[in-house]
Amino acid sequence: MKRVLVLGAGLVVKPLLDDLLALPDVELHLATLNIARARELLAGQSRAVALEINADDQPRVAAEVAAAKVVVSLLPADQHVKIAEACLRHRVPLVTTSYVSDGMRALDIEARARGVLLLNECGFDPGFDHMTAVQTIRRLRREGAKVVSFASYGGAIPAPEANTNPWGYKFTWSPRGVVVAARNPVRYLEAGRIVEKTFPDLFRHPRRIGVPGVGMLEAYPNRDCLRYLDAYELEGVHDMFRGSLRYRGWCDTWRALFDLGLLDLTPRHWCGLTYAQFLERHLGEPDGRPLVERLAARIGCGVDDELVARLEWLGLLSDRRLSPECTSSLDVMTARLERMLRYRSGERDMAVMEHHFVVARSDGLLRKVVSRMVFSGRAGDDSALARTVSFPAALAVRQILDGAVTLTGVQIPVDPQLTLPILIGLQRRGLHVHEHEEDVNLPGQ
């Protein structure tokens, strides 16, 4: 039996567990603090064990790592490095779906020296986006075309019929995680010029992306995409952009939350206040005007604007009492968003990805190549997000267990020995990319 250790039992883990346990020679250990959930996920599985382990219990984690053939960490991203260090000590490959952090990158030399693979960014976005992008780029190059511009857009959103609240979103992960992720500075290339932005300016002027069957979405820049120029073999391009997709209005809303101070992390005493009083504290001294008018004036819109309606719908102008455990403005907002922006049982979610390539063909003509994937699921443990994150990681584990991967060091899934078999496996699991080519609309034409 080949033992796989999976750390973390969050919302995206079930499809990975099911996929790996479909292999007759795999024994799976699921380690988490939430032992009840782990047992529920593994109910009826004779080759799986639920373990109650704190990730900070390094001796016990190390013992489990040492006994495994592969480790998958689905813990919060800030815990991956210590897991990777244990994997290095015991020469066990690691798979995560998180972005490569500076701490993880610092382990590359040691990982190569010890012959250990630390594979990161092997989920949906990042992960599936990398693999599909490099596959198309390599095919275009074989055809004699040169990529001069590249943009990638991805996101998990409610299906159109499940888009039932003014925010145009329902959370499958913590709202705090959204804020933490958005605080990462962004860099991208536009018309040959490097553009750098920080939170909340990165929400200004989102791009508009129309997706057939979904509607008009908006995209805001996602992290530092220039670090992928070499990995994608895109040196010399004029444009390089990676963005997150949401329904329209998302960017304006989060900018307003920041401007109001509602995303502040400073501990403060909110106990006993109503939401209206909480909001008033962020608007300054009363001036005799109704709260809704002061709010609209502060964020620069009319009282009937959709932006005000979103905050009112959330309950921020109500007399409802705040949760006593909230210690910061962000805590208040996180608790409220988690309560109000939920999927109902049976509702569909969607994982949407688009790549836009502008290419110079061998005949000198510029063409636009669009790759698109829209994948739907049902909210819960088998959601579209859970499957699109889990399947690439599970398929990578399969390749490693089979001895088909010779890579070492800190890697992301762009090497053909990973991308080709994983993409074939993803197609078999229903993740199909549709591609078409169209004219490029140049200025003045």
Protein backbone atom coordinates (compact mmCIF):
# COMPACT_ATOMS: atom_id res chain seq x y z
CA MET A 1 0.00 0.00 0.00
CA LYS A 2 1.13 3.55 -0.82
CA ARG A 3 0.28 5.93 2.00
CA VAL A 4 -0.81 9.48 1.20
CA LEU A 5 -0.96 11.98 4.05
CA VAL A 6 -3.50 14.77 3.58
CA LEU A 7 -3.29 17.69 6.00
CA GLY A 8 -6.49 19.73 6.37
CA ALA A 9 -10.16 18.85 6.04
CA GLY A 10 -11.57 22.08 4.60
CA LEU A 11 -14.21 22.74 1.98
CA VAL A 12 -12.17 21.59 -1.04
CA VAL A 13 -10.77 18.29 0.25
CA LYS A 14 -13.54 15.75 -0.48
CA PRO A 15 -13.03 15.35 -4.26
CA LEU A 16 -9.30 14.81 -3.66
CA LEU A 17 -10.01 12.11 -1.08
CA ASP A 18 -12.51 10.36 -3.34
CA ASP A 19 -10.17 10.52 -6.33
CA LEU A 20 -7.20 9.04 -4.46
CA LEU A 21 -9.23 6.36 -2.71
CA ALA A 22 -10.41 5.16 -6.11
CA LEU A 23 -6.89 3.76 -6.49
CA PRO A 24 -6.77 0.21 -5.09
CA ASP A 25 -3.22 0.51 -3.76
CA VAL A 26 -3.60 3.78 -1.82
CA GLU A 27 -3.97 4.11 1.93
CA LEU A 28 -4.97 7.58 3.05
CA HIS A 29 -4.40 9.39 6.34
CA LEU A 30 -6.43 12.59 6.82
CA ALA A 31 -4.98 14.77 9.59
CA THR A 32 -6.92 17.70 11.02
CA LEU A 33 -8.07 19.30 14.25
CA ASN A 34 -11.68 18.83 13.10
CA ILE A 35 -11.77 15.09 13.71
CA ALA A 36 -15.56 14.90 13.44
CA ARG A 37 -15.47 16.26 9.91
CA ALA A 38 -12.59 13.97 8.96
CA ARG A 39 -14.53 10.93 10.14
CA GLU A 40 -17.58 12.09 8.23
CA LEU A 41 -15.57 12.51 5.04
CA LEU A 42 -14.02 9.06 5.38
CA ALA A 43 -17.12 7.18 6.52
CA GLY A 44 -17.22 3.70 5.01
CA GLN A 45 -13.66 3.87 3.65
CA SER A 46 -11.65 0.85 4.81
CA ARG A 47 -8.31 2.22 3.53
CA ALA A 48 -8.53 5.61 5.21
CA VAL A 49 -7.77 6.83 8.71
CA ALA A 50 -8.89 10.08 10.35
CA LEU A 51 -6.26 11.59 12.64
CA GLU A 52 -6.72 14.41 15.15
CA ILE A 53 -3.47 16.35 14.81
CA ASN A 54 -2.52 19.95 15.41
CA ALA A 55 -0.23 21.15 12.61
CA ASP A 56 1.91 22.83 15.28
CA ASP A 57 2.62 19.41 16.86
CA GLN A 58 5.80 19.06 14.84
CA PRO A 59 6.99 15.68 16.20
CA ARG A 60 3.66 14.02 15.40
CA VAL A 61 3.41 15.68 12.00
CA ALA A 62 6.97 14.59 11.23
CA ALA A 63 6.17 11.00 12.17
CA GLU A 64 3.21 10.97 9.78
CA VAL A 65 5.25 12.61 7.03
CA ALA A 66 8.01 10.03 7.42
CA ALA A 67 5.56 7.18 6.88
CA ALA A 68 4.01 8.68 3.74
CA LYS A 69 4.85 8.34 0.06
CA VAL A 70 3.34 11.76 -0.72
CA VAL A 71 2.06 14.60 1.46
CA VAL A 72 -0.75 16.94 0.41
CA SER A 73 -1.10 20.12 2.44
CA LEU A 74 -4.46 21.87 2.25
CA LEU A 75 -3.72 23.85 5.39
CA PRO A 76 -3.68 27.67 5.38
CA ALA A 77 -0.85 28.90 3.16
CA ASP A 78 1.20 30.26 6.05
CA GLN A 79 1.63 26.71 7.41
CA HIS A 80 3.04 25.12 4.27
CA VAL A 81 6.68 25.97 4.89
CA LYS A 82 6.97 24.03 8.14
CA ILE A 83 5.29 21.05 6.45
CA ALA A 84 7.74 21.39 3.54
CA GLU A 85 10.66 21.39 5.98
CA ALA A 86 9.43 18.10 7.45
CA CYS A 87 9.09 16.69 3.93
CA LEU A 88 12.68 17.68 3.18
CA ARG A 89 14.01 16.00 6.33
CA HIS A 90 12.29 12.73 5.38
CA ARG A 91 12.66 13.07 1.59
CA VAL A 92 8.91 12.94 0.92
CA PRO A 93 7.33 14.91 -1.97
CA LEU A 94 4.80 17.61 -1.12
CA VAL A 95 1.80 18.92 -3.10
CA THR A 96 -0.08 22.14 -2.26
CA THR A 97 -2.63 24.27 -4.11
CA SER A 98 -1.31 27.55 -2.71
CA TYR A 99 0.91 30.24 -4.21
CA VAL A 100 4.66 29.85 -3.75
CA SER A 101 5.61 32.04 -0.79
CA ASP A 102 9.00 33.59 -0.22
CA GLY A 103 9.59 31.07 2.56
CA MET A 104 8.75 28.17 0.28
CA ARG A 105 10.93 29.56 -2.53
CA ALA A 106 13.86 29.71 -0.11
CA LEU A 107 13.72 25.91 0.20
CA ASP A 108 14.41 25.31 -3.50
CA ILE A 109 18.17 24.75 -3.31
CA GLU A 110 17.89 22.31 -0.41
CA ALA A 111 14.98 20.48 -2.08
CA ARG A 112 17.01 19.98 -5.26
CA ALA A 113 20.03 18.85 -3.29
CA ARG A 114 17.94 16.26 -1.43
CA GLY A 115 16.02 15.21 -4.55
CA VAL A 116 12.63 16.23 -3.15
CA LEU A 117 9.72 17.70 -5.13
CA LEU A 118 7.80 20.57 -3.48
CA LEU A 119 4.96 21.11 -5.95
CA ASN A 120 2.86 24.22 -5.32
CA GLU A 121 0.08 26.07 -7.15
CA CYS A 122 -1.48 22.80 -8.28
CA GLY A 123 -5.16 23.69 -7.89
CA PHE A 124 -7.56 25.73 -10.02
CA ASP A 125 -6.29 29.31 -9.89
CA PRO A 126 -3.38 28.90 -9.49
CA GLY A 127 -2.84 25.55 -11.17
CA PHE A 128 -5.29 24.68 -13.93
CA ASP A 129 -4.72 28.15 -15.34
CA HIS A 130 -0.95 27.54 -15.54
CA MET A 131 -1.32 24.20 -17.26
CA THR A 132 -3.84 25.29 -19.88
CA ALA A 133 -1.93 28.50 -20.62
CA VAL A 134 1.43 26.82 -21.23
CA GLN A 135 -0.20 24.09 -23.31
CA THR A 136 -1.70 26.68 -25.67
CA ILE A 137 1.49 28.79 -25.75
CA ARG A 138 3.58 25.77 -26.75
CA ARG A 139 1.11 24.74 -29.45
CA LEU A 140 1.06 28.25 -30.89
CA ARG A 141 4.84 28.30 -30.97
CA ARG A 142 4.90 24.97 -32.83
CA GLU A 143 2.53 26.52 -35.38
CA GLY A 144 5.01 29.34 -35.95
CA ALA A 145 2.97 31.98 -34.12
CA LYS A 146 4.37 34.44 -31.60
CA VAL A 147 2.39 35.47 -28.53
CA VAL A 148 2.55 39.27 -28.17
CA SER A 149 -0.11 39.70 -25.48
CA PHE A 150 -1.50 37.41 -22.77
CA ALA A 151 -4.25 37.81 -20.20
CA SER A 152 -5.72 35.17 -17.89
CA TYR A 153 -8.91 35.49 -15.87
CA GLY A 154 -10.31 33.06 -13.32
CA GLY A 155 -12.77 32.91 -10.49
CA ALA A 156 -15.37 30.90 -8.59
CA ILE A 157 -18.78 32.58 -8.60
CA PRO A 158 -22.45 31.66 -8.20
CA ALA A 159 -24.14 30.30 -11.30
CA PRO A 160 -26.44 32.93 -12.85
CA GLU A 161 -29.61 31.48 -11.30
CA ALA A 162 -27.88 31.33 -7.89
CA ASN A 163 -26.72 34.94 -8.14
CA THR A 164 -29.48 36.04 -5.79
CA ASN A 165 -27.98 38.76 -3.58
CA PRO A 166 -26.89 42.35 -4.31
CA TRP A 167 -23.22 41.44 -3.80
CA GLY A 168 -23.13 38.98 -6.71
CA TYR A 169 -21.12 36.52 -4.65
CA LYS A 170 -21.39 33.68 -2.15
CA PHE A 171 -18.49 32.56 -0.04
CA THR A 172 -16.96 29.13 -0.20
CA TRP A 173 -14.03 30.36 1.90
CA SER A 174 -13.46 32.94 4.59
CA PRO A 175 -14.15 36.61 3.75
CA ARG A 176 -11.04 37.35 5.80
CA GLY A 177 -9.13 35.30 3.25
CA VAL A 178 -10.45 37.58 0.49
CA VAL A 179 -9.08 40.63 2.28
CA VAL A 180 -5.75 38.99 3.08
CA ALA A 181 -5.34 37.87 -0.55
CA ALA A 182 -6.30 41.29 -1.89
CA ARG A 183 -3.65 42.99 0.26
CA ASN A 184 -0.92 41.38 -1.84
CA PRO A 185 0.62 43.99 -4.17
CA VAL A 186 0.04 43.40 -7.87
CA ARG A 187 2.28 43.82 -10.90
CA TYR A 188 1.42 43.34 -14.54
CA LEU A 189 2.61 44.43 -17.95
CA GLU A 190 0.52 46.81 -20.06
CA ALA A 191 1.70 48.07 -23.46
CA GLY A 192 5.26 47.22 -22.50
CA ARG A 193 5.08 49.14 -19.21
CA ILE A 194 5.18 47.56 -15.75
CA VAL A 195 2.14 48.58 -13.69
CA GLU A 196 2.26 48.26 -9.90
CA LYS A 197 -0.74 48.67 -7.60
CA THR A 198 -1.62 48.02 -3.99
CA PHE A 199 -4.85 47.47 -2.09
CA PRO A 200 -7.38 49.06 -2.58
CA ASP A 201 -6.21 50.81 -5.76
CA LEU A 202 -6.07 47.46 -7.53
CA PHE A 203 -9.89 47.54 -7.49
CA ARG A 204 -9.98 50.71 -9.59
CA HIS A 205 -10.95 50.40 -13.26
CA PRO A 206 -11.64 46.66 -13.44
CA ARG A 207 -11.63 45.02 -16.86
CA ARG A 208 -14.96 43.91 -18.35
CA ILE A 209 -15.12 40.29 -19.51
CA GLY A 210 -18.21 38.86 -21.20
CA VAL A 211 -18.61 35.09 -20.72
CA PRO A 212 -21.29 33.34 -22.81
CA GLY A 213 -23.92 31.76 -20.59
CA VAL A 214 -22.67 33.66 -17.55
CA GLY A 215 -22.85 37.35 -18.44
CA MET A 216 -20.67 40.38 -18.00
CA LEU A 217 -18.02 39.98 -15.32
CA GLU A 218 -15.28 42.24 -14.03
CA ALA A 219 -11.64 41.35 -13.44
CA TYR A 220 -9.15 42.93 -11.07
CA PRO A 221 -5.40 42.15 -11.08
CA ASN A 222 -4.18 39.15 -9.14
CA ARG A 223 -0.77 39.31 -7.43
CA ASP A 224 2.53 39.64 -9.31
CA CYS A 225 2.00 37.96 -12.66
CA LEU A 226 5.42 38.97 -14.00
CA ARG A 227 6.99 36.12 -12.04
CA TYR A 228 5.35 33.79 -14.57
CA LEU A 229 6.98 35.30 -17.66
CA ASP A 230 9.80 32.76 -17.62
CA ALA A 231 7.60 29.83 -16.60
CA TYR A 232 5.18 30.58 -19.45
CA GLU A 233 8.08 31.31 -21.85
CA LEU A 234 6.57 34.70 -22.67
CA GLU A 235 9.67 36.88 -22.76
CA GLY A 236 9.14 39.87 -25.05
CA VAL A 237 5.34 40.13 -24.74
CA HIS A 238 3.81 43.61 -24.62
CA ASP A 239 1.07 42.66 -22.15
CA MET A 240 0.88 40.15 -19.28
CA PHE A 241 -2.11 40.15 -16.93
CA ARG A 242 -3.71 37.74 -14.48
CA GLY A 243 -7.03 38.70 -12.95
CA SER A 244 -9.76 37.45 -10.62
CA LEU A 245 -13.32 37.30 -11.97
CA ARG A 246 -16.43 38.54 -10.16
CA TYR A 247 -19.86 39.83 -11.07
CA ARG A 248 -20.03 43.56 -11.69
CA GLY A 249 -19.98 45.88 -8.70
CA TRP A 250 -17.59 43.78 -6.63
CA CYS A 251 -14.61 46.10 -7.00
CA ASP A 252 -16.50 49.29 -6.16
CA THR A 253 -17.92 47.61 -3.06
CA TRP A 254 -14.57 46.51 -1.65
CA ARG A 255 -13.04 49.90 -2.31
CA ALA A 256 -15.90 51.47 -0.35
CA LEU A 257 -15.43 49.05 2.55
CA PHE A 258 -11.78 50.04 2.73
CA ASP A 259 -12.50 53.76 2.45
CA LEU A 260 -15.00 53.47 5.31
CA GLY A 261 -12.45 51.73 7.52
CA LEU A 262 -14.59 48.59 7.71
CA LEU A 263 -11.64 46.33 6.88
CA ASP A 264 -9.44 47.63 9.70
CA LEU A 265 -7.63 44.97 11.73
CA THR A 266 -7.10 47.11 14.85
CA PRO A 267 -8.74 45.56 17.96
CA ARG A 268 -11.50 47.80 19.28
CA HIS A 269 -14.39 47.55 21.73
CA TRP A 270 -17.63 47.03 19.77
CA CYS A 271 -19.53 44.98 22.35
CA GLY A 272 -23.14 46.09 22.83
CA LEU A 273 -23.32 48.25 19.69
CA THR A 274 -25.83 47.85 16.92
CA TYR A 275 -24.68 47.64 13.31
CA ALA A 276 -25.98 51.17 12.74
CA GLN A 277 -23.94 52.45 15.67
CA PHE A 278 -20.93 50.51 14.42
CA LEU A 279 -21.28 52.19 11.03
CA GLU A 280 -21.74 55.62 12.61
CA ARG A 281 -18.44 55.22 14.45
CA HIS A 282 -16.78 54.90 11.02
CA LEU A 283 -18.52 57.99 9.61
CA GLY A 284 -17.34 60.45 12.25
CA GLU A 285 -19.38 62.88 14.29
CA PRO A 286 -23.15 63.08 13.52
CA ASP A 287 -24.21 66.19 11.61
CA GLY A 288 -27.99 65.89 11.80
CA ARG A 289 -28.45 64.06 8.51
CA PRO A 290 -29.92 60.55 8.37
CA LEU A 291 -27.36 57.76 8.50
CA VAL A 292 -28.04 56.65 4.94
CA GLU A 293 -27.34 60.16 3.62
CA ARG A 294 -24.09 60.42 5.55
CA LEU A 295 -23.04 57.01 4.24
CA ALA A 296 -23.81 57.93 0.64
CA ALA A 297 -21.94 61.22 0.93
CA ARG A 298 -18.92 59.51 2.47
CA ILE A 299 -18.56 57.01 -0.38
CA GLY A 300 -19.43 59.54 -3.06
CA CYS A 301 -22.76 58.34 -4.42
CA GLY A 302 -26.52 58.89 -4.09
CA VAL A 303 -28.71 57.26 -1.47
CA ASP A 304 -30.34 55.13 -4.18
CA ASP A 305 -27.03 53.84 -5.53
CA GLU A 306 -26.43 50.08 -5.71
CA LEU A 307 -23.42 50.50 -3.46
CA VAL A 308 -25.56 51.85 -0.62
CA ALA A 309 -28.12 49.12 -1.28
CA ARG A 310 -25.48 46.41 -0.82
CA LEU A 311 -24.40 47.77 2.57
CA GLU A 312 -28.00 48.24 3.65
CA TRP A 313 -28.92 44.70 2.55
CA LEU A 314 -26.00 43.38 4.59
CA GLY A 315 -27.62 44.94 7.65
CA LEU A 316 -25.09 47.67 8.39
CA LEU A 317 -27.85 50.26 8.93
CA SER A 318 -29.93 48.01 11.19
CA ASP A 319 -30.53 47.90 14.94
CA ARG A 320 -29.30 44.30 15.15
CA ARG A 321 -26.62 43.79 17.82
CA LEU A 322 -23.06 42.87 16.90
CA SER A 323 -21.62 39.51 17.85
CA PRO A 324 -19.77 39.95 21.17
CA GLU A 325 -16.68 38.07 19.95
CA CYS A 326 -15.89 40.62 17.24
CA THR A 327 -12.74 42.55 18.14
CA SER A 328 -11.97 44.48 14.95
CA SER A 329 -13.91 46.07 12.12
CA LEU A 330 -12.81 43.26 9.86
CA ASP A 331 -14.12 40.72 12.40
CA VAL A 332 -17.53 42.40 12.27
CA MET A 333 -17.58 42.36 8.48
CA THR A 334 -16.30 38.78 8.24
CA ALA A 335 -19.02 37.49 10.56
CA ARG A 336 -21.74 39.35 8.68
CA LEU A 337 -20.57 38.34 5.21
CA GLU A 338 -20.25 34.69 6.24
CA ARG A 339 -23.82 34.76 7.54
CA MET A 340 -25.44 36.59 4.63
CA LEU A 341 -23.48 35.43 1.56
CA ARG A 342 -24.10 31.71 1.78
CA TYR A 343 -25.04 29.13 -0.78
CA ARG A 344 -28.35 27.41 -0.21
CA SER A 345 -28.61 23.66 -0.48
CA GLY A 346 -28.64 22.56 -4.12
CA GLU A 347 -27.50 25.88 -5.57
CA ARG A 348 -24.94 25.77 -8.36
CA ASP A 349 -21.55 27.39 -8.23
CA MET A 350 -19.25 27.89 -11.20
CA ALA A 351 -15.52 27.92 -11.83
CA VAL A 352 -14.78 30.19 -14.80
CA MET A 353 -11.46 30.59 -16.59
CA GLU A 354 -10.49 32.48 -19.73
CA HIS A 355 -7.14 32.99 -21.44
CA HIS A 356 -6.78 35.69 -24.10
CA PHE A 357 -3.76 35.43 -26.39
CA VAL A 358 -2.96 37.96 -29.10
CA VAL A 359 -0.65 36.22 -31.56
CA ALA A 360 1.28 37.22 -34.64
CA ARG A 361 0.77 34.45 -37.18
CA SER A 362 3.47 33.45 -39.66
CA ASP A 363 1.59 35.41 -42.37
CA GLY A 364 2.03 38.60 -40.32
CA LEU A 365 -1.63 38.84 -39.26
CA LEU A 366 -2.60 39.45 -35.64
CA ARG A 367 -5.24 37.10 -34.27
CA LYS A 368 -6.86 36.67 -30.87
CA VAL A 369 -7.07 33.16 -29.43
CA VAL A 370 -9.54 32.67 -26.57
CA SER A 371 -9.48 29.58 -24.32
CA ARG A 372 -12.50 29.21 -22.03
CA MET A 373 -13.61 26.78 -19.35
CA VAL A 374 -16.90 27.04 -17.45
CA PHE A 375 -17.46 24.24 -14.96
CA SER A 376 -20.44 24.00 -12.62
CA GLY A 377 -21.19 22.04 -9.48
CA ARG A 378 -23.47 22.01 -6.47
CA ALA A 379 -22.56 24.02 -3.39
CA GLY A 380 -20.99 21.93 -0.66
CA ASP A 381 -18.23 19.35 -0.59
CA ASP A 382 -18.54 18.57 -4.31
CA SER A 383 -18.80 22.16 -5.54
CA ALA A 384 -17.20 23.32 -8.76
CA LEU A 385 -14.55 25.10 -6.71
CA ALA A 386 -13.81 22.01 -4.62
CA ARG A 387 -13.42 19.82 -7.69
CA THR A 388 -11.37 22.24 -9.76
CA VAL A 389 -8.99 22.77 -6.83
CA SER A 390 -8.82 19.13 -5.76
CA PHE A 391 -8.61 17.30 -9.08
CA PRO A 392 -5.28 18.80 -10.28
CA ALA A 393 -3.69 18.05 -6.90
CA ALA A 394 -5.06 14.50 -6.87
CA LEU A 395 -3.81 13.87 -10.40
CA ALA A 396 -0.37 15.20 -9.48
CA VAL A 397 -0.27 12.79 -6.53
CA ARG A 398 -1.18 9.94 -8.88
CA GLN A 399 1.71 10.84 -11.19
CA ILE A 400 4.15 11.01 -8.28
CA LEU A 401 3.00 7.67 -6.86
CA ASP A 402 3.48 6.08 -10.28
CA GLY A 403 7.06 7.34 -10.41
CA ALA A 404 6.31 9.39 -13.53
CA VAL A 405 7.65 12.67 -12.11
CA THR A 406 11.39 13.25 -11.96
CA LEU A 407 11.24 16.95 -11.04
CA THR A 408 12.81 18.15 -7.81
CA GLY A 409 12.89 21.48 -6.00
CA VAL A 410 10.14 24.06 -5.63
CA GLN A 411 7.94 23.73 -8.70
CA ILE A 412 4.63 24.83 -10.19
CA PRO A 413 2.80 22.70 -12.78
CA VAL A 414 4.24 23.94 -16.07
CA ASP A 415 6.58 21.08 -17.02
CA PRO A 416 5.08 18.74 -19.69
CA GLN A 417 5.68 15.65 -17.55
CA LEU A 418 3.09 17.10 -15.16
CA THR A 419 0.82 19.17 -17.36
CA LEU A 420 0.04 16.69 -20.13
CA PRO A 421 -1.16 13.74 -17.99
CA ILE A 422 -2.97 16.04 -15.54
CA LEU A 423 -4.85 17.83 -18.32
CA ILE A 424 -5.87 14.50 -19.85
CA GLY A 425 -7.13 13.41 -16.44
CA LEU A 426 -9.02 16.67 -15.97
CA GLN A 427 -10.77 16.23 -19.32
CA ARG A 428 -11.92 12.79 -18.18
CA ARG A 429 -13.34 14.45 -15.08
CA GLY A 430 -15.34 16.96 -17.12
CA LEU A 431 -13.03 19.99 -17.22
CA HIS A 432 -13.08 20.86 -20.89
CA VAL A 433 -11.39 23.91 -22.41
CA HIS A 434 -12.99 25.34 -25.53
CA GLU A 435 -10.87 27.44 -27.83
CA HIS A 436 -11.69 29.77 -30.70
CA GLU A 437 -9.88 32.35 -32.77
CA GLU A 438 -11.15 35.79 -33.75
CA ASP A 439 -10.06 39.05 -35.31
CA VAL A 440 -8.07 41.58 -33.31
CA ASN A 441 -9.76 44.96 -33.13
CA LEU A 442 -6.97 47.50 -33.43
CA PRO A 443 -7.41 51.21 -32.67
CA GLY A 444 -8.64 53.13 -35.71
CA GLN A 445 -10.14 50.13 -37.45
